[in-house]
Protein backbone atom coordinates (compact mmCIF):
# COMPACT_ATOMS: atom_id res chain seq x y z
CA MET A 1 171.62 106.10 121.14
CA ASN A 2 170.15 109.22 120.46
CA PHE A 3 168.69 111.17 123.12
CA PRO A 4 165.99 114.40 122.58
CA THR A 5 167.15 117.61 122.66
CA ILE A 6 165.64 119.79 125.31
CA THR A 7 165.82 123.59 125.46
CA SER A 8 164.82 125.35 128.57
CA SER A 9 162.78 128.14 126.66
CA SER A 10 160.26 125.07 125.58
CA GLN A 11 158.05 124.48 128.56
CA SER A 12 155.04 122.37 129.33
CA PRO A 13 151.74 123.76 131.25
CA SER A 14 152.98 122.13 134.12
CA GLY A 15 156.53 123.69 133.89
CA VAL A 16 158.28 120.68 132.66
CA PRO A 17 160.50 120.52 129.70
CA VAL A 18 159.09 119.72 126.62
CA THR A 19 160.76 116.93 124.39
CA ASP A 20 159.78 116.62 120.81
CA LEU A 21 158.11 113.29 120.38
CA SER A 22 157.33 113.60 116.76
CA SER A 23 159.95 111.32 115.59
CA CYS A 24 159.11 108.84 118.38
CA ARG A 25 157.82 105.05 117.76
CA ALA A 26 155.29 103.91 120.13
CA LEU A 27 153.84 100.61 121.06
CA ILE A 28 150.26 100.53 122.68
CA ILE A 29 149.25 97.44 124.85
CA ASP A 30 145.56 96.65 125.30
CA THR A 31 143.34 94.04 125.16
CA ASN A 32 140.66 96.66 124.86
CA GLN A 33 140.09 97.87 121.14
CA THR A 34 138.52 100.99 121.97
CA SER A 35 140.79 101.65 124.69
CA ARG A 36 143.87 101.25 121.99
CA SER A 37 141.97 103.61 119.40
CA ILE A 38 141.85 106.22 122.40
CA LEU A 39 145.20 106.23 123.33
CA ARG A 40 146.40 106.04 119.64
CA SER A 41 144.53 109.28 119.02
CA MET A 42 146.23 110.80 121.58
CA LEU A 43 149.70 109.97 120.77
CA ALA A 44 148.82 110.79 117.48
CA ASP A 45 147.79 114.67 118.86
CA LEU A 46 151.19 114.74 120.61
CA GLY A 47 152.79 114.41 117.15
CA LEU A 48 153.63 110.89 117.11
CA GLN A 49 153.32 109.08 113.87
CA SER A 50 154.86 105.57 114.08
CA ILE A 51 152.23 103.88 116.55
CA ALA A 52 152.06 100.10 116.65
CA GLN A 53 149.34 98.24 118.56
CA ALA A 54 149.28 94.73 120.31
CA GLY A 55 146.05 93.21 121.68
CA LYS A 56 147.54 90.21 123.43
CA ILE A 57 150.88 89.48 125.73
CA SER A 58 152.56 87.29 123.08
CA ASP A 59 152.23 89.84 120.27
CA ALA A 60 153.39 92.59 122.48
CA ARG A 61 156.51 90.03 123.44
CA ARG A 62 157.12 89.59 119.69
CA ALA A 63 157.14 93.40 118.76
CA LEU A 64 159.57 94.27 121.77
CA GLU A 65 161.91 91.55 120.63
CA HIS A 66 162.07 92.55 116.94
CA GLN A 67 161.72 96.35 117.41
CA THR A 68 162.86 99.18 119.34
CA PHE A 69 160.20 101.51 120.79
CA ASP A 70 160.60 104.77 122.58
CA VAL A 71 157.43 104.78 124.06
CA VAL A 72 155.34 101.86 125.55
CA LEU A 73 152.12 102.02 126.87
CA CYS A 74 151.00 99.30 128.63
CA ASP A 75 147.54 98.30 130.60
CA TYR A 76 147.84 96.58 133.89
CA HIS A 77 144.92 94.30 133.30
CA PHE A 78 144.73 91.65 130.47
CA ASP A 79 141.13 89.83 129.87
CA ASP A 80 142.63 87.31 128.14
CA CYS A 81 145.45 85.75 130.46
CA ASN A 82 146.14 85.78 134.12
CA MET A 83 149.37 87.97 133.65
CA THR A 84 149.43 91.68 134.46
CA GLY A 85 151.14 94.48 132.66
CA SER A 86 153.56 94.58 135.70
CA ASP A 87 154.21 90.52 135.03
CA LEU A 88 155.08 91.39 131.40
CA LEU A 89 157.30 94.27 132.29
CA ASP A 90 159.19 92.08 134.83
CA ASP A 91 159.77 89.28 132.38
CA LEU A 92 160.76 92.19 129.52
CA ARG A 93 163.75 93.57 131.98
CA ARG A 94 164.73 89.87 132.69
CA ALA A 95 165.32 89.27 128.89
CA GLN A 96 166.55 92.85 128.64
CA LEU A 97 164.33 93.73 126.02
CA LEU A 98 163.71 97.31 127.16
CA PRO A 99 166.69 99.84 126.29
CA TYR A 100 167.47 102.63 128.33
CA SER A 101 165.76 105.21 125.87
CA THR A 102 162.34 103.47 125.94
CA VAL A 103 159.47 105.06 128.45
CA PHE A 104 157.27 102.56 129.72
CA VAL A 105 154.05 103.53 130.89
CA MET A 106 151.62 101.77 132.90
CA VAL A 107 147.85 102.22 132.27
CA THR A 108 145.86 101.40 135.41
CA GLY A 109 142.41 101.76 137.10
CA GLU A 110 141.67 102.81 140.42
CA ALA A 111 141.71 98.98 141.81
CA SER A 112 145.17 98.19 140.98
CA TYR A 113 146.61 101.46 141.74
CA VAL A 114 148.79 100.14 144.64
CA LYS A 115 150.34 97.42 142.49
CA VAL A 116 151.44 99.60 140.01
CA ALA A 117 152.43 102.39 142.21
CA GLU A 118 154.93 99.57 143.72
CA ALA A 119 156.07 98.91 140.28
CA ALA A 120 156.75 102.53 139.76
CA GLU A 121 159.27 102.65 142.79
CA SER A 122 160.77 99.48 140.89
CA ALA A 123 161.97 101.68 138.21
CA LEU A 124 158.90 101.98 135.83
CA ASP A 125 158.80 105.32 134.10
CA SER A 126 155.64 106.47 134.71
CA TYR A 127 151.82 105.20 135.20
CA LEU A 128 148.72 106.57 134.41
CA LEU A 129 145.38 106.18 136.22
CA LYS A 130 142.01 106.18 134.36
CA PRO A 131 140.20 108.13 133.35
CA HIS A 132 143.02 110.07 132.06
CA THR A 133 143.26 113.19 129.69
CA SER A 134 145.78 113.79 126.52
CA ASN A 135 147.41 116.41 128.90
CA THR A 136 147.71 114.10 131.23
CA LEU A 137 149.45 111.69 129.24
CA ALA A 138 151.59 114.32 127.57
CA GLN A 139 152.99 115.37 131.02
CA ARG A 140 153.67 112.01 131.92
CA LEU A 141 155.68 111.53 128.58
CA HIS A 142 157.53 114.53 129.03
CA MET A 143 158.70 113.94 132.42
CA ALA A 144 159.91 110.33 131.60
CA ARG A 145 161.57 111.67 128.50
CA HIS A 146 163.00 114.46 130.49
CA ARG A 147 164.75 112.17 132.96
CA LYS A 148 166.28 110.30 130.30
CA VAL A 149 167.99 113.26 129.05
CA VAL A 150 169.08 114.52 132.56
CA LEU A 151 170.69 111.25 132.90
CA ALA A 152 172.09 110.98 129.70
CA ASN A 153 175.80 110.87 130.10
CA ILE A 154 175.14 108.14 132.72
CA PHE A 155 173.35 106.09 130.12
CA GLU A 156 176.13 106.82 127.60
CA ALA A 157 178.77 105.81 130.13
CA ILE A 158 177.27 102.73 130.12
CA GLU A 159 176.71 102.41 126.35
CA ARG A 160 180.48 102.92 125.87
CA GLU A 161 180.87 100.06 128.76
CA GLU A 162 182.95 102.79 130.99
CA PHE A 163 181.12 101.39 133.95
CA ASN A 164 183.19 103.10 136.58
CA ILE A 165 182.74 106.27 135.02
CA ALA A 166 179.33 105.68 135.12
CA ALA A 167 179.35 104.72 138.85
CA GLU A 168 180.98 107.66 139.79
CA LEU A 169 178.64 110.00 137.82
CA CYS A 170 175.99 108.43 139.96
CA LEU A 171 177.65 108.63 142.98
CA GLN A 172 177.91 112.39 142.26
CA ARG A 173 174.55 113.34 141.58
CA PHE A 174 173.83 110.91 144.74
CA ALA A 175 175.89 113.11 147.10
CA LYS A 176 174.64 116.35 145.53
CA ARG A 177 171.01 115.45 145.53
CA ASP A 178 170.81 116.63 142.04
CA GLU A 179 167.60 116.02 139.86
CA TYR A 180 167.18 112.19 139.72
CA TRP A 181 169.54 111.55 142.51
CA VAL A 182 167.37 108.15 143.83
CA TYR A 183 167.23 106.55 140.45
CA ALA A 184 170.67 107.67 139.68
CA ALA A 185 171.77 105.97 143.09
CA ARG A 186 169.96 102.87 142.26
CA ILE A 187 171.70 102.64 138.47
CA GLY A 188 174.92 103.41 140.62
CA GLY A 189 174.14 100.21 142.90
CA GLU A 190 173.64 98.15 140.28
CA LEU A 191 176.82 99.42 138.23
CA LEU A 192 178.89 98.46 141.65
CA LEU A 193 177.53 95.18 141.97
CA ARG A 194 178.78 94.37 138.26
CA LEU A 195 182.28 96.07 139.41
CA ALA A 196 182.32 93.36 142.02
CA ARG A 197 182.27 96.41 144.70
CA HIS A 198 179.94 94.59 146.62
CA GLU A 199 180.37 96.51 149.90
CA GLU A 200 180.16 99.83 148.19
CA ALA A 201 176.97 98.47 146.63
CA ARG A 202 175.67 97.72 150.14
CA LYS A 203 176.33 101.11 151.81
CA LEU A 204 174.75 102.94 148.54
CA PHE A 205 171.41 100.64 148.97
CA GLN A 206 171.76 101.12 152.55
CA ALA A 207 171.63 104.88 152.51
CA LEU A 208 168.90 104.55 149.99
CA ASP A 209 166.88 102.55 152.28
CA GLU A 210 167.37 104.48 155.74
CA ILE A 211 166.36 107.91 153.21
CA LYS A 212 163.47 106.28 151.41
CA ALA A 213 162.77 103.15 152.98
CA MET A 214 161.97 101.40 149.47
CA PRO A 215 161.73 97.54 149.22
CA TRP A 216 163.92 97.54 146.14
CA ALA A 217 166.49 99.44 148.34
CA ARG A 218 166.62 97.12 150.99
CA LEU A 219 166.59 93.92 148.13
CA GLY A 220 169.85 95.75 146.92
CA ILE A 221 171.49 95.36 150.32
CA ALA A 222 170.59 91.74 150.46
CA ARG A 223 171.89 91.41 146.88
CA ALA A 224 174.98 93.03 147.62
CA GLN A 225 175.39 90.96 150.86
CA LEU A 226 175.01 87.66 149.13
CA GLU A 227 177.29 88.40 145.98
CA GLY A 228 179.88 89.65 148.35
CA GLY A 229 180.06 86.04 150.12
CA HIS A 230 177.61 87.03 152.93
CA ALA A 231 174.75 84.40 152.53
CA ALA A 232 173.54 84.18 156.18
CA PRO A 233 173.43 88.12 156.39
CA ALA A 234 171.81 88.11 152.98
CA ARG A 235 168.86 85.36 153.98
CA ARG A 236 168.29 87.53 157.25
CA THR A 237 167.71 91.03 155.26
CA LEU A 238 165.42 89.00 152.81
CA GLU A 239 163.35 87.50 155.56
CA SER A 240 162.91 90.77 157.01
CA LEU A 241 161.97 92.37 153.60
CA LEU A 242 159.41 89.48 152.65
CA SER A 243 157.70 89.62 156.22
CA GLU A 244 157.21 93.24 155.25
CA ASN A 245 156.49 92.70 151.45
CA PRO A 246 154.94 89.14 151.24
CA THR A 247 154.21 89.50 147.47
CA TYR A 248 157.57 90.96 146.27
CA ALA A 249 158.48 88.71 143.66
CA ASP A 250 162.01 89.75 143.11
CA ALA A 251 162.65 89.14 146.68
CA TYR A 252 161.72 85.64 146.31
CA ASP A 253 163.92 85.40 143.53
CA VAL A 254 167.02 86.58 145.43
CA MET A 255 166.13 84.19 148.30
CA GLY A 256 165.75 81.18 146.02
CA ARG A 257 169.23 81.96 144.53
CA ALA A 258 170.52 82.43 148.27
CA GLN A 259 168.96 78.99 149.28
CA LEU A 260 170.36 77.20 146.04
CA GLN A 261 174.02 78.42 147.00
CA ALA A 262 173.75 77.19 150.36
CA GLY A 263 172.03 73.51 149.15
CA SER A 264 168.87 73.92 150.83
CA PHE A 265 167.40 72.63 147.27
CA GLU A 266 164.00 71.87 148.99
CA GLU A 267 163.44 75.33 150.60
CA ALA A 268 164.81 76.81 147.37
CA TYR A 269 161.97 74.88 145.32
CA GLU A 270 159.19 76.26 147.83
CA THR A 271 160.41 79.69 147.57
CA TYR A 272 160.78 79.63 143.42
CA GLN A 273 157.01 78.03 143.90
CA HIS A 274 155.90 81.03 145.73
CA ALA A 275 157.32 83.41 143.22
CA ALA A 276 155.51 81.59 140.49
CA GLU A 277 152.20 81.89 142.25
CA ILE A 278 152.59 85.58 142.72
CA THR A 279 153.63 85.96 138.75
CA PRO A 280 151.78 82.78 137.21
CA SER A 281 152.64 83.66 133.63
CA SER A 282 156.24 84.75 134.49
CA ILE A 283 158.56 82.32 132.05
CA GLY A 284 161.31 82.73 133.87
CA ARG A 285 159.99 81.89 137.18
CA LEU A 286 157.89 78.65 135.71
CA GLN A 287 161.08 77.36 134.40
CA LYS A 288 163.18 77.90 137.85
CA VAL A 289 160.26 75.52 139.40
CA GLY A 290 160.07 73.25 136.65
CA MET A 291 164.15 72.82 136.73
CA LEU A 292 164.72 72.33 140.45
CA ALA A 293 161.22 70.00 140.49
CA PHE A 294 163.54 67.86 137.93
CA TYR A 295 166.12 67.72 140.26
CA LEU A 296 164.59 66.35 142.89
CA GLY A 297 162.84 63.75 141.09
CA ARG A 298 159.46 65.47 140.76
CA SER A 299 158.63 64.65 137.17
CA ASP A 300 155.05 65.35 136.93
CA GLU A 301 155.33 68.68 138.06
CA ALA A 302 158.46 69.65 136.55
CA SER A 303 156.77 68.44 133.30
CA ARG A 304 153.66 70.94 134.25
CA SER A 305 155.95 73.98 134.95
CA LEU A 306 158.26 73.39 131.80
CA GLU A 307 155.54 72.61 129.17
CA ARG A 308 153.52 75.79 130.59
CA ALA A 309 156.82 77.84 130.03
CA ALA A 310 157.22 76.37 126.66
CA SER A 311 153.23 77.14 125.75
CA LEU A 312 153.85 80.95 126.88
CA GLY A 313 156.74 81.56 124.54
CA VAL A 314 159.12 78.59 123.48
CA THR A 315 160.58 81.05 120.47
CA SER A 316 160.74 84.01 123.12
CA LYS A 317 164.13 85.24 123.93
CA MET A 318 163.13 84.94 127.57
CA PHE A 319 162.87 80.93 126.94
CA ASP A 320 165.72 79.13 128.39
CA PHE A 321 166.31 76.16 126.11
CA GLN A 322 167.62 73.96 129.44
CA SER A 323 163.77 73.17 129.87
CA LEU A 324 163.38 71.13 126.67
CA ILE A 325 166.66 69.08 127.64
CA MET A 326 164.57 68.20 131.21
CA LEU A 327 161.57 68.04 129.07
CA ALA A 328 163.14 65.60 126.61
CA GLN A 329 164.51 63.37 129.46
CA ILE A 330 161.22 63.03 131.08
CA ARG A 331 159.53 62.24 127.78
CA PHE A 332 162.38 59.64 127.42
CA GLU A 333 161.79 57.90 130.75
CA GLN A 334 157.78 57.82 129.24
CA LYS A 335 158.98 56.48 125.94
CA ASP A 336 157.11 59.28 124.53
CA TYR A 337 159.09 59.49 121.10
CA LYS A 338 156.55 62.02 119.82
CA GLY A 339 157.65 64.10 123.23
CA VAL A 340 161.08 64.01 122.22
CA GLN A 341 160.68 64.66 118.94
CA ARG A 342 159.10 68.05 119.37
CA CYS A 343 161.60 69.15 122.01
CA LEU A 344 164.41 68.12 119.36
CA GLY A 345 162.50 70.24 116.55
CA ASN A 346 162.43 73.57 118.69
CA LEU A 347 166.29 72.79 119.60
CA GLN A 348 166.79 72.22 115.91
CA HIS A 349 164.96 75.31 115.19
CA ALA A 350 166.76 77.47 117.64
CA TYR A 351 170.20 76.08 116.83
CA GLU A 352 169.55 77.12 112.95
CA LYS A 353 169.20 80.71 114.15
CA GLN A 354 172.50 80.33 116.35
CA SER A 355 174.68 78.42 114.42
CA ASN A 356 177.76 79.59 116.68
CA SER A 357 176.41 78.48 119.72
CA SER A 358 178.12 75.53 121.16
CA ARG A 359 175.81 75.45 124.16
CA LEU A 360 172.63 74.51 121.60
CA ARG A 361 174.60 72.45 119.28
CA ARG A 362 175.56 70.18 122.73
CA MET A 363 171.40 70.32 123.68
CA THR A 364 170.72 69.60 120.22
CA THR A 365 172.94 66.57 120.13
CA LEU A 366 172.02 65.40 123.54
CA VAL A 367 168.15 65.15 122.42
CA ASN A 368 168.71 63.66 119.19
CA VAL A 369 170.71 60.60 121.20
CA LEU A 370 167.82 60.17 123.07
CA ALA A 371 165.50 60.15 119.80
CA LEU A 372 167.89 57.72 118.37
CA MET A 373 167.81 55.57 121.51
CA LEU A 374 164.09 55.14 121.45
CA GLN A 375 164.48 53.98 117.90
CA ARG A 376 167.18 51.38 119.03
CA GLN A 377 169.73 52.96 116.75
CA VAL A 378 172.63 52.09 119.14
CA ALA A 379 175.64 52.40 116.75
CA GLU A 380 174.99 55.97 115.69
CA VAL A 381 173.93 56.72 119.62
CA VAL A 382 177.52 55.50 120.51
CA ARG A 383 179.27 57.32 117.69
CA LEU A 384 177.60 60.59 119.17
CA ILE A 385 178.08 59.73 122.76
CA LYS A 386 181.66 59.48 122.08
CA GLU A 387 181.82 63.02 120.02
CA MET A 388 180.24 64.55 122.89
CA ALA A 389 182.51 63.14 125.47
CA SER A 390 185.60 64.57 123.78
CA GLU A 391 184.48 68.00 124.69
CA PHE A 392 184.76 67.38 128.13
CA GLU A 393 187.82 69.05 128.71
CA LYS A 394 186.81 72.35 126.72
CA PRO A 395 186.86 75.80 128.27
CA ASP A 396 183.14 76.15 127.48
CA PHE A 397 181.78 73.01 128.68
CA ASP A 398 180.33 74.07 131.95
CA PHE A 399 178.52 72.76 135.05
CA GLU A 400 174.68 72.75 132.96
CA ALA A 401 176.72 70.53 130.34
CA ALA A 402 178.19 68.03 132.78
CA GLY A 403 174.64 67.77 134.45
CA ASN A 404 172.89 67.36 131.42
CA MET A 405 175.58 64.27 130.12
CA LEU A 406 175.41 62.77 133.36
CA GLY A 407 171.56 62.70 133.23
CA LEU A 408 171.55 61.21 129.72
CA LEU A 409 174.49 58.78 130.42
CA THR A 410 172.08 57.48 133.36
CA ARG A 411 169.03 57.32 131.25
CA LEU A 412 171.14 55.58 128.61
CA ARG A 413 171.98 52.94 131.57
CA SER A 414 168.53 52.70 132.51
CA SER A 415 167.93 51.58 128.85
CA GLU A 416 170.30 48.44 129.19
CA LEU A 417 172.97 50.34 127.05
CA GLU A 418 176.37 49.20 128.22
CA LEU A 419 179.22 51.95 127.73
CA PRO A 420 182.72 50.59 128.31
CA ASP A 421 183.81 54.21 129.40
CA ALA A 422 180.75 55.67 131.15
CA GLU A 423 182.22 55.16 134.62
CA LEU A 424 185.37 56.74 133.35
CA TRP A 425 183.18 59.61 131.94
CA VAL A 426 181.32 60.11 135.03
CA LYS A 427 184.21 60.07 137.29
CA LYS A 428 185.90 62.79 134.62
CA LEU A 429 182.90 65.29 135.15
CA ALA A 430 182.37 64.76 138.76
CA SER A 431 186.13 65.39 139.17
CA ARG A 432 185.97 68.75 137.50
CA PHE A 433 182.78 69.70 138.57
CA CYS A 434 182.29 69.00 142.31
CA ILE A 435 183.58 72.02 143.43
CA SER A 436 181.40 72.35 146.57
CA LYS A 437 178.67 70.43 148.44
CA PRO A 438 175.74 72.47 146.61
CA THR A 439 177.23 71.57 143.14
CA THR A 440 178.19 67.84 143.90
CA ASP A 441 174.77 67.47 145.18
CA LEU A 442 172.86 68.52 142.30
CA LEU A 443 175.25 66.65 140.22
CA ALA A 444 174.41 63.49 142.14
CA MET A 445 170.62 64.52 141.72
CA SER A 446 171.39 64.08 137.72
CA VAL A 447 172.18 60.42 138.71
CA ALA A 448 170.40 59.58 141.13
CA SER A 449 168.62 56.71 139.78
CA HIS A 450 171.77 54.70 139.13
CA GLU A 451 173.36 54.48 142.83
CA PRO A 452 176.95 53.50 141.26
CA TYR A 453 176.91 56.82 139.30
CA TYR A 454 175.42 58.64 142.54
CA ASP A 455 178.23 57.12 144.85
CA MET A 456 181.26 58.00 142.06
CA VAL A 457 179.92 61.70 142.19
CA HIS A 458 180.33 61.81 146.04
CA GLU A 459 183.26 59.76 146.13
CA ALA A 460 185.05 62.32 143.64
CA TYR A 461 184.17 65.54 145.70
CA LYS A 462 185.66 63.41 148.46
CA VAL A 463 189.00 62.99 146.67
CA ILE A 464 188.96 66.55 145.76
CA GLY A 465 188.53 67.54 149.37
CA GLU A 466 191.50 65.18 150.32
CA GLN A 467 193.70 66.85 147.67
CA ALA A 468 192.97 69.95 149.01
CA GLU A 469 193.70 69.40 152.71
CA LYS A 470 197.26 67.70 151.98
CA ALA A 471 197.95 71.00 149.99
CA MET A 472 196.88 73.39 152.75
CA GLU A 473 198.92 71.08 155.17
CA GLN A 474 201.93 71.40 153.03
CA ALA A 475 201.67 75.31 153.28
CA LYS A 476 201.05 75.41 157.14
CA GLN A 477 204.03 73.44 157.55
CA GLY A 478 206.30 76.10 156.20
CA ALA A 479 206.29 75.05 152.09
CA PRO A 480 203.50 76.95 150.51
CA GLY A 481 205.23 76.56 147.37
CA ASN A 482 205.11 72.81 147.47
CA GLY A 483 201.28 73.28 148.44
CA ILE A 484 200.78 75.53 145.42
CA LYS A 485 202.53 72.87 142.94
CA THR A 486 200.67 70.15 144.59
CA LEU A 487 197.20 71.97 143.98
CA LEU A 488 198.41 72.97 140.47
CA VAL A 489 199.06 69.06 139.31
CA HIS A 490 195.62 68.22 140.74
CA GLY A 491 193.98 71.17 139.05
CA SER A 492 195.57 70.41 135.84
CA LYS A 493 194.46 67.00 135.48
CA THR A 494 190.65 67.52 136.73
CA GLN A 495 190.17 71.39 135.89
CA ASN A 496 188.33 71.26 139.17
CA ALA A 497 187.99 75.38 140.03
CA LYS A 498 188.19 74.61 144.00
CA LEU A 499 191.51 73.47 143.74
CA LEU A 500 192.77 76.51 141.49
CA ASP A 501 190.78 79.20 143.61
CA LEU A 502 192.40 77.54 146.76
CA ALA A 503 195.94 77.68 145.00
CA GLU A 504 195.43 81.35 144.01
CA MET A 505 194.19 82.08 147.72
CA VAL A 506 197.96 80.29 149.15
CA LEU A 507 199.68 82.06 146.89
CA ASN A 508 198.14 85.68 148.04
CA ARG A 509 198.68 84.76 151.46
CA TYR A 510 202.34 83.20 151.69
CA ARG A 511 203.61 85.50 148.42
CA GLY A 512 206.41 86.96 150.43
CA GLN A 513 207.70 83.40 151.53
CA ILE A 514 207.34 81.84 147.62
CA LYS A 515 210.81 82.13 145.77
CA ASP A 516 208.80 81.37 142.49
CA ALA A 517 205.97 83.27 143.17
CA ASP A 518 205.36 85.28 139.98
CA MET A 519 205.49 82.08 137.86
CA LEU A 520 203.15 80.09 140.08
CA SER A 521 201.10 83.25 139.60
CA GLU A 522 201.04 82.85 135.73
CA MET A 523 200.58 79.07 135.91
CA VAL A 524 197.59 79.95 138.31
CA GLN A 525 195.79 82.40 136.16
CA ASP A 526 196.45 80.30 132.75
CA MET A 527 194.72 77.37 134.37
CA ARG A 528 191.89 79.42 135.62
CA GLY A 529 191.17 81.11 132.33
CA LYS A 530 191.13 77.86 130.90
CA PHE A 531 189.22 75.85 133.46
CA CYS A 532 186.92 78.13 135.53
CA ARG A 533 184.99 80.66 132.97
CA ALA A 534 181.78 79.74 134.59
CA SER A 535 180.56 80.38 137.96
CA ALA A 536 180.99 78.21 140.45
CA HIS A 537 177.87 78.97 142.25
CA VAL A 538 174.86 76.59 141.76
CA GLN A 539 172.42 77.87 139.21
CA LEU A 540 169.59 76.89 136.96
CA GLY A 541 169.92 77.52 133.39
CA ALA A 542 171.49 80.17 131.55
CA ASN A 543 172.61 83.40 133.58
CA SER A 544 171.25 86.04 131.60
CA GLY A 545 169.04 88.87 131.58
CA ARG A 546 168.41 91.25 134.58
CA GLN A 547 168.96 89.88 138.12
CA ALA A 548 166.34 89.82 140.23
CA GLY A 549 165.75 93.14 142.06
CA GLY A 550 167.97 94.71 139.36
CA LEU A 551 167.38 97.23 136.78
CA ASN A 552 168.31 96.47 133.11
CA LEU A 553 171.84 97.54 132.36
CA ARG A 554 171.98 96.95 128.68
CA SER A 555 175.41 97.50 126.92
């Protein structure tokens, strides 16, 4: 990434160092054509030559997905929809569509100033209050570009994926209270979380909260607590934050995640609903509501939310194709062949663009099976199901894929298709992915309409628990090596991450008492590498993009 050069002798009238803007590419997002023309004229006066315009949110998304801009000027209010500039910014960050070098300036009227000021605290580069002059715009752009340059060494270290170095640079700037130390500290907090240095991240966000008392700093504390395994303190922090900031959508996102991990699905559903009400055009939040409604058996609500998300941007990078899997299953239950075909067409189109994606391949095959079943092409359905089942032990076959497969098997069963190996497949998937009570409960929801499958899922979790208890008893009775071997035998057979995590924990605790500790350690790590690549936490859809409350740390 090339950052602009600043010379100390070049100053604006306000004393802010001047950067050369002539080579910058700019995008103006505003529904009002007159406003766009005025802003375009101002940018041209500042020397910019490449200036694009977008009058609709959808046009802006497409432009930002396919091109990189140095400057984005975005109006806060949009006449054609109930989405704001802040909502758009939030979605763009989630999808990682704004690189570090892009300066994002929100343009707003007096009425929405407070909301835009809040967005500025959440790492918006700048905001411009109407009516404004060309000089004011120039000052805002130069200040924002100046910050990009001052922190260039941090950004460049991140782009080299030297995250430890970047974190230390941030901590040094914070300690010395150098220019832009608050922003640097926020980046540092994000880096520490990425590096799993959760306690250091919590302390940094705590220090920021005590100095500045900014909502995102306290949200950072909660995120560090949650990712560090301290769910109860995280929820208390979030409850306090939301009582003071009841419209802080990011805080609801993190609260929803905490509730999901605790298995409080009804609470999480209500939390995500609240976040979606605050930002009704957020594709990501609509999908969270729809996905959780689907698991809870609320097909009508799931259909409404997921269809709306798809209509807002099925071709957008912000859209998660898991939504189409759930919509297809709902349409299958309604015997809506055309509805299933629409989902299949969208997935096939996406897979053509990403032909190396095993996730999209599995999704496309699954929806194709539903379409074929509605046409009663049973022989082809059986062939494809067996093909899908052959992938159950692959390292990249994850919790999401297991839930989708269980849902498919259940719906085929309800269509009176007798698959001889169906129960064996259900037990196999449950044995691998029943890692905790929340994951077990969510998988059970996938098969809730067929009681025998529902019971099999819970029985698998019970068996995994009994195997873990037996191994722990061996360790407590003075034979930790035998306990680890027991866990490895069952772990190898089931590929269950809980058993392998427990084997590693016992090994670390009793290493001094185990004669072949090094050999066992290699075996544990080898199995974990093969079977436990995905997170053991419950999550809805793909875990991609910006974490709620976090900065966009692209690399």
